[in-house]
Amino acid sequence: MLSSYFRDIQLFRFDEQTNIIFIFAGEELQIIVDSQGKWRFLNAAEL
C-alpha cells in the first residue's frame, strides 16, 4: 500500500523476539505490524 502512494520506505525492521515489523516511510509515517498481521500507526509518544 505504501508503494502505491509513492512513499519511500526508509527503514524496515523485523524483531525476531516479538515478531513485530516496524516500517518508517516518508517524512514521519511510522507503522507497526504485529504477528497477526494487524497494523497501526505509531506516534512519537509511544517511542
Protein backbone atom coordinates (compact mmCIF):
# COMPACT_ATOMS: atom_id res chain seq x y z
CA MET A 1 0.00 0.00 0.00
CA LEU A 2 2.84 2.41 0.79
CA SER A 3 4.44 1.95 -2.60
CA SER A 4 1.06 2.56 -4.31
CA TYR A 5 1.04 6.03 -2.77
CA PHE A 6 4.66 6.62 -3.79
CA ARG A 7 6.04 6.65 -0.26
CA ASP A 8 9.67 5.66 0.05
CA ILE A 9 10.26 3.06 2.73
CA GLN A 10 13.18 4.49 4.70
CA LEU A 11 13.52 1.76 7.31
CA PHE A 12 12.18 -1.78 7.61
CA ARG A 13 12.94 -3.86 10.68
CA PHE A 14 11.76 -7.26 11.85
CA ASP A 15 12.16 -8.06 15.54
CA GLU A 16 12.65 -11.84 15.80
CA GLN A 17 11.88 -11.93 19.53
CA THR A 18 8.48 -10.21 19.32
CA ASN A 19 7.68 -10.97 15.64
CA ILE A 20 6.86 -7.32 15.08
CA ILE A 21 7.62 -5.42 11.87
CA PHE A 22 8.49 -1.73 12.10
CA ILE A 23 8.21 0.44 8.97
CA PHE A 24 9.31 4.06 8.67
CA ALA A 25 8.13 5.63 5.40
CA GLY A 26 8.26 9.13 4.03
CA GLU A 27 8.91 12.02 6.38
CA GLU A 28 7.04 10.95 9.53
CA LEU A 29 4.94 7.86 8.77
CA GLN A 30 5.62 5.04 11.24
CA ILE A 31 3.74 1.74 11.18
CA ILE A 32 3.92 -1.37 13.36
CA VAL A 33 2.67 -4.76 12.12
CA ASP A 34 2.17 -7.49 14.73
CA SER A 35 2.48 -11.25 14.23
CA GLN A 36 -1.25 -11.49 13.48
CA GLY A 37 -0.90 -9.06 10.56
CA LYS A 38 -2.71 -6.24 12.35
CA TRP A 39 -1.12 -2.86 11.74
CA ARG A 40 -1.33 0.51 13.42
CA PHE A 41 0.33 3.87 13.22
CA LEU A 42 2.97 4.57 15.83
CA ASN A 43 3.02 8.05 17.31
CA ALA A 44 6.02 9.73 18.89
CA ALA A 45 4.63 9.34 22.43
CA GLU A 46 5.00 5.53 22.18
CA LEU A 47 8.73 5.59 21.40
